[in-house]
Amino acid sequence: MTRYTPRCAARVLLVDRADRLLLFRGFDPAHPEGGHWWFTPGGGLDPGETYADGAARELAEETGLRLTVAEFGEPVHADVAEFSFDGVSYRQEQRFFLVRVAAHEVNTTGFSEVERGSVDGYRWWSAEELCSTAERCYPPDLPAVLTRALTGVPATAGGASC
């Protein structure tokens, strides 16, 4: 039986004016043979942080985009993910925030040591590219999550998928 370390995380759906979503490409440094996957900016909350606080901090650290907590609004999606990373199994309760920008030049100089050792790229993805890719993206239902966020459909009401 796997023992999971509980973790709360804030994730950001950073979308540009062309409705493209920023994703990072990473791998598990403990198991690099496991391949790569794409994921949204964000990460674990620090003690005492709210989800919006964590989203603002993580976005600034990982992309260089600095926004006030008030600019994040309410989460547009929530889920629980179970995964292993760097030798630790996590059960992560996560909230996703939608942030729209006209454009943004990503600056990763704020990456932590772990991020510098496990993230090897980023790119902006259209919804069509997300739906048609054979590459792993997280969460697995990311195209539907993005569609619901962009159309304002509540997560409980379902939404378009690929």
N, C-alpha and C. Protein backbone atom coordinates (compact mmCIF):
# COMPACT_ATOMS: atom_id res chain seq x y z
N MET A 1 0.85 -1.19 0.00
CA MET A 1 0.00 0.00 0.00
C MET A 1 0.89 1.25 0.00
N THR A 2 0.59 2.16 -0.89
CA THR A 2 1.36 3.40 -1.00
C THR A 2 0.96 4.36 0.10
N ARG A 3 1.95 4.94 0.75
CA ARG A 3 1.72 5.99 1.74
C ARG A 3 1.94 7.32 1.06
N TYR A 4 0.88 8.12 1.01
CA TYR A 4 0.96 9.41 0.33
C TYR A 4 1.24 10.54 1.31
N THR A 5 2.08 11.46 0.89
CA THR A 5 2.32 12.68 1.63
C THR A 5 1.25 13.68 1.18
N PRO A 6 0.44 14.20 2.12
CA PRO A 6 -0.58 15.18 1.70
C PRO A 6 0.07 16.50 1.33
N ARG A 7 -0.53 17.13 0.33
CA ARG A 7 0.01 18.40 -0.16
C ARG A 7 -1.13 19.20 -0.77
N CYS A 8 -1.12 20.49 -0.54
CA CYS A 8 -2.05 21.41 -1.20
C CYS A 8 -1.25 22.23 -2.20
N ALA A 9 -1.83 22.45 -3.38
CA ALA A 9 -1.11 23.17 -4.43
C ALA A 9 -2.03 24.12 -5.16
N ALA A 10 -1.45 25.20 -5.65
CA ALA A 10 -2.14 26.16 -6.51
C ALA A 10 -1.53 26.05 -7.89
N ARG A 11 -2.38 26.00 -8.91
CA ARG A 11 -1.93 25.88 -10.29
C ARG A 11 -2.55 27.03 -11.08
N VAL A 12 -1.88 27.41 -12.16
CA VAL A 12 -2.34 28.56 -12.93
C VAL A 12 -2.52 28.18 -14.40
N LEU A 13 -3.69 28.46 -14.92
CA LEU A 13 -3.96 28.36 -16.35
C LEU A 13 -3.64 29.75 -16.92
N LEU A 14 -2.39 29.93 -17.37
CA LEU A 14 -1.95 31.21 -17.91
C LEU A 14 -2.22 31.21 -19.40
N VAL A 15 -3.14 32.07 -19.83
CA VAL A 15 -3.63 32.06 -21.21
C VAL A 15 -3.35 33.42 -21.85
N ASP A 16 -2.80 33.38 -23.06
CA ASP A 16 -2.50 34.63 -23.77
C ASP A 16 -3.69 35.06 -24.64
N ARG A 17 -3.54 36.17 -25.34
CA ARG A 17 -4.65 36.73 -26.13
C ARG A 17 -5.11 35.80 -27.24
N ALA A 18 -4.26 34.86 -27.67
CA ALA A 18 -4.64 33.89 -28.70
C ALA A 18 -5.25 32.63 -28.08
N ASP A 19 -5.59 32.70 -26.80
CA ASP A 19 -6.15 31.57 -26.05
C ASP A 19 -5.20 30.37 -25.99
N ARG A 20 -3.90 30.66 -26.00
CA ARG A 20 -2.91 29.60 -25.83
C ARG A 20 -2.53 29.50 -24.36
N LEU A 21 -2.32 28.28 -23.91
CA LEU A 21 -2.02 27.97 -22.51
C LEU A 21 -0.53 27.70 -22.35
N LEU A 22 0.09 28.31 -21.33
CA LEU A 22 1.49 28.06 -21.05
C LEU A 22 1.63 26.76 -20.26
N LEU A 23 2.48 25.88 -20.77
CA LEU A 23 2.81 24.64 -20.06
C LEU A 23 4.32 24.48 -19.98
N PHE A 24 4.77 23.90 -18.89
CA PHE A 24 6.16 23.53 -18.71
C PHE A 24 6.33 22.05 -19.02
N ARG A 25 7.52 21.68 -19.49
CA ARG A 25 7.83 20.27 -19.74
C ARG A 25 8.84 19.82 -18.69
N GLY A 26 8.53 18.72 -18.03
CA GLY A 26 9.42 18.24 -16.99
C GLY A 26 9.49 16.73 -16.95
N PHE A 27 10.25 16.25 -15.99
CA PHE A 27 10.45 14.82 -15.79
C PHE A 27 10.76 14.61 -14.31
N ASP A 28 10.69 13.36 -13.88
CA ASP A 28 10.99 13.01 -12.50
C ASP A 28 12.49 12.77 -12.39
N PRO A 29 13.22 13.60 -11.63
CA PRO A 29 14.67 13.42 -11.55
C PRO A 29 15.07 12.09 -10.92
N ALA A 30 14.19 11.48 -10.13
CA ALA A 30 14.49 10.17 -9.54
C ALA A 30 14.30 9.05 -10.55
N HIS A 31 13.52 9.32 -11.61
CA HIS A 31 13.24 8.31 -12.65
C HIS A 31 13.19 8.97 -14.02
N PRO A 32 14.30 9.51 -14.50
CA PRO A 32 14.29 10.20 -15.80
C PRO A 32 13.90 9.27 -16.96
N GLU A 33 14.06 7.99 -16.78
CA GLU A 33 13.67 7.04 -17.82
C GLU A 33 12.16 7.00 -18.02
N GLY A 34 11.41 7.59 -17.09
CA GLY A 34 9.95 7.61 -17.18
C GLY A 34 9.41 8.60 -18.19
N GLY A 35 10.28 9.34 -18.83
CA GLY A 35 9.85 10.27 -19.87
C GLY A 35 9.44 11.62 -19.33
N HIS A 36 8.91 12.42 -20.24
CA HIS A 36 8.52 13.80 -19.96
C HIS A 36 7.01 13.96 -19.92
N TRP A 37 6.57 15.06 -19.35
CA TRP A 37 5.16 15.44 -19.38
C TRP A 37 5.06 16.95 -19.29
N TRP A 38 3.89 17.46 -19.64
CA TRP A 38 3.60 18.90 -19.64
C TRP A 38 2.66 19.22 -18.50
N PHE A 39 2.85 20.38 -17.89
CA PHE A 39 2.04 20.76 -16.73
C PHE A 39 1.97 22.28 -16.62
N THR A 40 0.98 22.74 -15.90
CA THR A 40 0.76 24.17 -15.71
C THR A 40 1.72 24.74 -14.66
N PRO A 41 1.97 26.04 -14.71
CA PRO A 41 2.73 26.67 -13.63
C PRO A 41 2.00 26.48 -12.30
N GLY A 42 2.75 26.44 -11.24
CA GLY A 42 2.16 26.31 -9.91
C GLY A 42 2.93 25.31 -9.07
N GLY A 43 2.47 25.14 -7.83
CA GLY A 43 3.14 24.21 -6.95
C GLY A 43 2.57 24.25 -5.56
N GLY A 44 3.26 23.58 -4.67
CA GLY A 44 2.80 23.42 -3.30
C GLY A 44 2.71 24.73 -2.53
N LEU A 45 1.71 24.78 -1.65
CA LEU A 45 1.52 25.96 -0.81
C LEU A 45 2.53 25.96 0.33
N ASP A 46 3.02 27.13 0.67
CA ASP A 46 3.85 27.30 1.85
C ASP A 46 2.92 27.38 3.07
N PRO A 47 3.43 27.08 4.27
CA PRO A 47 2.59 27.17 5.47
C PRO A 47 1.92 28.53 5.60
N GLY A 48 0.62 28.51 5.86
CA GLY A 48 -0.15 29.74 6.05
C GLY A 48 -0.64 30.39 4.77
N GLU A 49 -0.23 29.89 3.61
CA GLU A 49 -0.67 30.50 2.34
C GLU A 49 -2.08 30.05 1.97
N THR A 50 -2.84 30.95 1.39
CA THR A 50 -4.09 30.57 0.74
C THR A 50 -3.74 30.05 -0.65
N TYR A 51 -4.72 29.45 -1.32
CA TYR A 51 -4.48 29.01 -2.69
C TYR A 51 -4.11 30.18 -3.59
N ALA A 52 -4.80 31.31 -3.45
CA ALA A 52 -4.49 32.48 -4.28
C ALA A 52 -3.10 33.04 -3.96
N ASP A 53 -2.72 33.05 -2.67
CA ASP A 53 -1.37 33.47 -2.30
C ASP A 53 -0.33 32.59 -3.00
N GLY A 54 -0.54 31.28 -2.94
CA GLY A 54 0.39 30.34 -3.56
C GLY A 54 0.44 30.50 -5.07
N ALA A 55 -0.70 30.73 -5.68
CA ALA A 55 -0.74 30.93 -7.13
C ALA A 55 0.07 32.16 -7.52
N ALA A 56 -0.09 33.25 -6.78
CA ALA A 56 0.66 34.48 -7.09
C ALA A 56 2.16 34.26 -6.91
N ARG A 57 2.56 33.62 -5.83
CA ARG A 57 3.98 33.37 -5.57
C ARG A 57 4.57 32.45 -6.63
N GLU A 58 3.90 31.33 -6.89
CA GLU A 58 4.41 30.36 -7.86
C GLU A 58 4.50 30.96 -9.26
N LEU A 59 3.49 31.72 -9.67
CA LEU A 59 3.52 32.32 -11.00
C LEU A 59 4.71 33.28 -11.13
N ALA A 60 4.94 34.06 -10.10
CA ALA A 60 6.08 34.99 -10.12
C ALA A 60 7.40 34.22 -10.18
N GLU A 61 7.54 33.19 -9.36
CA GLU A 61 8.79 32.42 -9.33
C GLU A 61 9.05 31.70 -10.65
N GLU A 62 8.01 31.12 -11.23
CA GLU A 62 8.20 30.25 -12.39
C GLU A 62 8.14 30.96 -13.73
N THR A 63 7.47 32.11 -13.80
CA THR A 63 7.31 32.79 -15.09
C THR A 63 7.79 34.23 -15.08
N GLY A 64 8.03 34.79 -13.89
CA GLY A 64 8.40 36.19 -13.79
C GLY A 64 7.21 37.14 -13.81
N LEU A 65 6.00 36.62 -13.97
CA LEU A 65 4.80 37.47 -14.01
C LEU A 65 4.32 37.74 -12.58
N ARG A 66 4.33 38.98 -12.20
CA ARG A 66 3.94 39.36 -10.84
C ARG A 66 2.57 40.02 -10.86
N LEU A 67 1.63 39.37 -10.16
CA LEU A 67 0.26 39.87 -10.04
C LEU A 67 -0.12 39.93 -8.58
N THR A 68 -1.09 40.77 -8.25
CA THR A 68 -1.60 40.79 -6.88
C THR A 68 -2.50 39.58 -6.67
N VAL A 69 -2.65 39.19 -5.44
CA VAL A 69 -3.52 38.07 -5.10
C VAL A 69 -4.95 38.34 -5.60
N ALA A 70 -5.41 39.58 -5.49
CA ALA A 70 -6.76 39.93 -5.91
C ALA A 70 -6.98 39.67 -7.40
N GLU A 71 -5.93 39.72 -8.21
CA GLU A 71 -6.06 39.51 -9.65
C GLU A 71 -6.33 38.05 -10.02
N PHE A 72 -6.25 37.15 -9.08
CA PHE A 72 -6.48 35.73 -9.37
C PHE A 72 -7.94 35.33 -9.28
N GLY A 73 -8.73 36.06 -8.52
CA GLY A 73 -10.14 35.72 -8.40
C GLY A 73 -10.33 34.37 -7.75
N GLU A 74 -11.42 33.71 -8.12
CA GLU A 74 -11.75 32.40 -7.55
C GLU A 74 -11.19 31.29 -8.43
N PRO A 75 -10.91 30.13 -7.85
CA PRO A 75 -10.45 29.00 -8.66
C PRO A 75 -11.50 28.61 -9.69
N VAL A 76 -11.03 28.15 -10.85
CA VAL A 76 -11.94 27.70 -11.92
C VAL A 76 -12.02 26.18 -11.99
N HIS A 77 -11.17 25.51 -11.22
CA HIS A 77 -11.16 24.04 -11.22
C HIS A 77 -10.46 23.57 -9.95
N ALA A 78 -10.89 22.42 -9.46
CA ALA A 78 -10.25 21.79 -8.31
C ALA A 78 -10.24 20.28 -8.54
N ASP A 79 -9.17 19.64 -8.13
CA ASP A 79 -9.12 18.18 -8.19
C ASP A 79 -8.08 17.66 -7.22
N VAL A 80 -7.94 16.35 -7.19
CA VAL A 80 -6.95 15.68 -6.36
C VAL A 80 -6.11 14.81 -7.28
N ALA A 81 -4.80 14.91 -7.14
CA ALA A 81 -3.87 14.12 -7.95
C ALA A 81 -2.99 13.29 -7.03
N GLU A 82 -2.78 12.05 -7.40
CA GLU A 82 -1.84 11.19 -6.69
C GLU A 82 -0.70 10.87 -7.64
N PHE A 83 0.54 11.14 -7.20
CA PHE A 83 1.68 10.95 -8.07
C PHE A 83 2.95 10.80 -7.23
N SER A 84 3.99 10.29 -7.85
CA SER A 84 5.30 10.21 -7.22
C SER A 84 6.23 11.17 -7.95
N PHE A 85 7.08 11.83 -7.17
CA PHE A 85 8.06 12.75 -7.75
C PHE A 85 9.27 12.78 -6.84
N ASP A 86 10.42 12.56 -7.42
CA ASP A 86 11.69 12.62 -6.71
C ASP A 86 11.71 11.73 -5.47
N GLY A 87 11.09 10.55 -5.60
CA GLY A 87 11.11 9.57 -4.53
C GLY A 87 10.03 9.71 -3.48
N VAL A 88 9.11 10.66 -3.64
CA VAL A 88 8.03 10.88 -2.67
C VAL A 88 6.70 10.70 -3.38
N SER A 89 5.78 9.98 -2.73
CA SER A 89 4.42 9.83 -3.26
C SER A 89 3.53 10.90 -2.62
N TYR A 90 2.81 11.64 -3.46
CA TYR A 90 1.97 12.74 -2.99
C TYR A 90 0.51 12.47 -3.28
N ARG A 91 -0.34 12.95 -2.40
CA ARG A 91 -1.78 13.09 -2.66
C ARG A 91 -2.02 14.59 -2.57
N GLN A 92 -2.22 15.21 -3.74
CA GLN A 92 -2.23 16.66 -3.84
C GLN A 92 -3.63 17.19 -4.13
N GLU A 93 -4.13 18.00 -3.21
CA GLU A 93 -5.38 18.72 -3.45
C GLU A 93 -4.98 20.03 -4.11
N GLN A 94 -5.52 20.27 -5.31
CA GLN A 94 -5.07 21.44 -6.06
C GLN A 94 -6.23 22.25 -6.59
N ARG A 95 -5.99 23.57 -6.65
CA ARG A 95 -6.95 24.53 -7.19
C ARG A 95 -6.27 25.22 -8.37
N PHE A 96 -7.05 25.42 -9.43
CA PHE A 96 -6.55 26.06 -10.64
C PHE A 96 -7.18 27.43 -10.79
N PHE A 97 -6.36 28.42 -11.14
CA PHE A 97 -6.81 29.78 -11.37
C PHE A 97 -6.57 30.14 -12.83
N LEU A 98 -7.51 30.85 -13.43
CA LEU A 98 -7.36 31.34 -14.80
C LEU A 98 -6.79 32.75 -14.75
N VAL A 99 -5.68 32.95 -15.47
CA VAL A 99 -5.07 34.26 -15.60
C VAL A 99 -4.89 34.53 -17.08
N ARG A 100 -5.45 35.64 -17.54
CA ARG A 100 -5.32 36.04 -18.94
C ARG A 100 -4.32 37.18 -19.06
N VAL A 101 -3.46 37.08 -20.07
CA VAL A 101 -2.50 38.13 -20.38
C VAL A 101 -2.53 38.37 -21.88
N ALA A 102 -2.19 39.58 -22.29
CA ALA A 102 -2.09 39.83 -23.73
C ALA A 102 -0.95 38.99 -24.30
N ALA A 103 0.17 39.04 -23.62
CA ALA A 103 1.36 38.27 -23.97
C ALA A 103 2.26 38.28 -22.75
N HIS A 104 3.20 37.36 -22.70
CA HIS A 104 4.15 37.37 -21.60
C HIS A 104 5.43 36.65 -22.02
N GLU A 105 6.55 37.29 -21.78
CA GLU A 105 7.86 36.69 -22.02
C GLU A 105 8.24 35.93 -20.75
N VAL A 106 8.24 34.62 -20.83
CA VAL A 106 8.49 33.78 -19.65
C VAL A 106 9.93 33.96 -19.17
N ASN A 107 10.06 34.13 -17.85
CA ASN A 107 11.36 34.28 -17.21
C ASN A 107 11.44 33.24 -16.10
N THR A 108 12.30 32.24 -16.26
CA THR A 108 12.40 31.14 -15.30
C THR A 108 13.55 31.31 -14.31
N THR A 109 14.11 32.51 -14.18
CA THR A 109 15.22 32.69 -13.26
C THR A 109 14.82 32.48 -11.80
N GLY A 110 13.53 32.50 -11.50
CA GLY A 110 13.06 32.26 -10.15
C GLY A 110 12.84 30.80 -9.82
N PHE A 111 13.16 29.90 -10.75
CA PHE A 111 13.00 28.46 -10.50
C PHE A 111 13.80 28.04 -9.26
N SER A 112 13.22 27.10 -8.52
CA SER A 112 13.92 26.49 -7.40
C SER A 112 14.97 25.52 -7.95
N GLU A 113 15.82 25.02 -7.08
CA GLU A 113 16.83 24.05 -7.50
C GLU A 113 16.17 22.81 -8.10
N VAL A 114 15.11 22.33 -7.48
CA VAL A 114 14.40 21.15 -8.00
C VAL A 114 13.83 21.44 -9.38
N GLU A 115 13.23 22.62 -9.57
CA GLU A 115 12.68 22.98 -10.88
C GLU A 115 13.78 23.08 -11.94
N ARG A 116 14.91 23.68 -11.57
CA ARG A 116 16.02 23.77 -12.53
C ARG A 116 16.51 22.38 -12.95
N GLY A 117 16.39 21.40 -12.05
CA GLY A 117 16.84 20.05 -12.36
C GLY A 117 15.80 19.15 -12.96
N SER A 118 14.55 19.62 -13.10
CA SER A 118 13.50 18.73 -13.60
C SER A 118 12.60 19.35 -14.67
N VAL A 119 12.77 20.62 -14.97
CA VAL A 119 11.99 21.28 -16.02
C VAL A 119 12.95 21.64 -17.14
N ASP A 120 12.64 21.16 -18.34
CA ASP A 120 13.57 21.39 -19.44
C ASP A 120 12.97 22.15 -20.61
N GLY A 121 11.80 22.73 -20.42
CA GLY A 121 11.23 23.53 -21.50
C GLY A 121 9.86 24.06 -21.16
N TYR A 122 9.36 24.90 -22.02
CA TYR A 122 8.00 25.42 -21.91
C TYR A 122 7.54 25.82 -23.29
N ARG A 123 6.23 25.91 -23.44
CA ARG A 123 5.66 26.43 -24.68
C ARG A 123 4.20 26.79 -24.44
N TRP A 124 3.68 27.58 -25.38
CA TRP A 124 2.27 27.98 -25.36
C TRP A 124 1.51 27.02 -26.26
N TRP A 125 0.41 26.45 -25.76
CA TRP A 125 -0.38 25.44 -26.47
C TRP A 125 -1.77 25.97 -26.79
N SER A 126 -2.24 25.74 -28.00
CA SER A 126 -3.65 26.02 -28.32
C SER A 126 -4.49 24.85 -27.81
N ALA A 127 -5.79 25.09 -27.67
CA ALA A 127 -6.69 24.01 -27.24
C ALA A 127 -6.64 22.85 -28.25
N GLU A 128 -6.55 23.18 -29.53
CA GLU A 128 -6.50 22.14 -30.56
C GLU A 128 -5.23 21.29 -30.41
N GLU A 129 -4.11 21.94 -30.12
CA GLU A 129 -2.86 21.19 -29.92
C GLU A 129 -2.96 20.28 -28.70
N LEU A 130 -3.58 20.78 -27.64
CA LEU A 130 -3.75 19.94 -26.44
C LEU A 130 -4.61 18.72 -26.73
N CYS A 131 -5.65 18.92 -27.51
CA CYS A 131 -6.56 17.82 -27.84
C CYS A 131 -5.91 16.77 -28.74
N SER A 132 -4.97 17.19 -29.57
CA SER A 132 -4.41 16.26 -30.56
C SER A 132 -3.06 15.68 -30.18
N THR A 133 -2.46 16.15 -29.10
CA THR A 133 -1.13 15.67 -28.77
C THR A 133 -1.16 14.25 -28.18
N ALA A 134 -0.12 13.51 -28.45
CA ALA A 134 0.08 12.19 -27.84
C ALA A 134 0.97 12.32 -26.60
N GLU A 135 1.47 13.53 -26.34
CA GLU A 135 2.33 13.73 -25.17
C GLU A 135 1.48 13.78 -23.91
N ARG A 136 2.09 13.40 -22.78
CA ARG A 136 1.39 13.43 -21.49
C ARG A 136 1.26 14.86 -21.00
N CYS A 137 0.05 15.19 -20.59
CA CYS A 137 -0.24 16.49 -19.99
C CYS A 137 -0.99 16.26 -18.69
N TYR A 138 -0.76 17.11 -17.73
CA TYR A 138 -1.45 16.99 -16.45
C TYR A 138 -2.11 18.30 -16.08
N PRO A 139 -3.34 18.22 -15.56
CA PRO A 139 -4.09 17.00 -15.29
C PRO A 139 -4.49 16.31 -16.60
N PRO A 140 -4.81 15.01 -16.53
CA PRO A 140 -5.14 14.27 -17.75
C PRO A 140 -6.31 14.87 -18.54
N ASP A 141 -7.22 15.53 -17.86
CA ASP A 141 -8.37 16.16 -18.52
C ASP A 141 -8.12 17.64 -18.80
N LEU A 142 -6.86 18.02 -18.97
CA LEU A 142 -6.51 19.43 -19.16
C LEU A 142 -7.27 20.11 -20.30
N PRO A 143 -7.47 19.48 -21.46
CA PRO A 143 -8.25 20.18 -22.50
C PRO A 143 -9.66 20.56 -22.03
N ALA A 144 -10.31 19.68 -21.32
CA ALA A 144 -11.66 19.97 -20.82
C ALA A 144 -11.61 21.04 -19.73
N VAL A 145 -10.62 20.96 -18.86
CA VAL A 145 -10.46 21.98 -17.80
C VAL A 145 -10.27 23.35 -18.44
N LEU A 146 -9.41 23.43 -19.45
CA LEU A 146 -9.17 24.70 -20.13
C LEU A 146 -10.44 25.21 -20.82
N THR A 147 -11.13 24.34 -21.52
CA THR A 147 -12.37 24.73 -22.21
C THR A 147 -13.39 25.28 -21.23
N ARG A 148 -13.58 24.59 -20.10
CA ARG A 148 -14.53 25.07 -19.09
C ARG A 148 -14.10 26.42 -18.54
N ALA A 149 -12.81 26.58 -18.28
CA ALA A 149 -12.32 27.86 -17.73
C ALA A 149 -12.54 29.00 -18.72
N LEU A 150 -12.26 28.75 -19.99
CA LEU A 150 -12.38 29.82 -20.99
C LEU A 150 -13.83 30.16 -21.31
N THR A 151 -14.74 29.21 -21.15
CA THR A 151 -16.15 29.45 -21.47
C THR A 151 -16.98 29.78 -20.24
N GLY A 152 -16.37 29.67 -19.05
CA GLY A 152 -17.09 29.99 -17.83
C GLY A 152 -18.06 28.92 -17.38
N VAL A 153 -17.94 27.71 -17.92
CA VAL A 153 -18.83 26.61 -17.52
C VAL A 153 -18.30 26.04 -16.21
N PRO A 154 -19.14 25.96 -15.18
CA PRO A 154 -18.67 25.39 -13.91
C PRO A 154 -18.21 23.95 -14.10
N ALA A 155 -17.19 23.57 -13.34
CA ALA A 155 -16.63 22.22 -13.44
C ALA A 155 -17.67 21.16 -13.16
N THR A 156 -18.61 21.41 -12.26
CA THR A 156 -19.62 20.41 -11.91
C THR A 156 -20.63 20.22 -13.04
N ALA A 157 -20.69 21.15 -13.99
CA ALA A 157 -21.66 21.05 -15.08
C ALA A 157 -21.09 20.32 -16.29
N GLY A 158 -19.87 19.82 -16.17
CA GLY A 158 -19.25 19.15 -17.30
C GLY A 158 -18.64 20.17 -18.22
N GLY A 159 -18.44 19.80 -19.44
CA GLY A 159 -17.85 20.73 -20.39
C GLY A 159 -17.33 20.00 -21.59
N ALA A 160 -16.91 20.74 -22.55
CA ALA A 160 -16.41 20.15 -23.78
C ALA A 160 -15.13 19.39 -23.51
N SER A 161 -14.94 18.35 -24.26
CA SER A 161 -13.67 17.64 -24.23
C SER A 161 -13.24 17.43 -25.67
N CYS A 162 -12.11 16.80 -25.84
CA CYS A 162 -11.59 16.60 -27.19
C CYS A 162 -12.43 15.63 -27.98
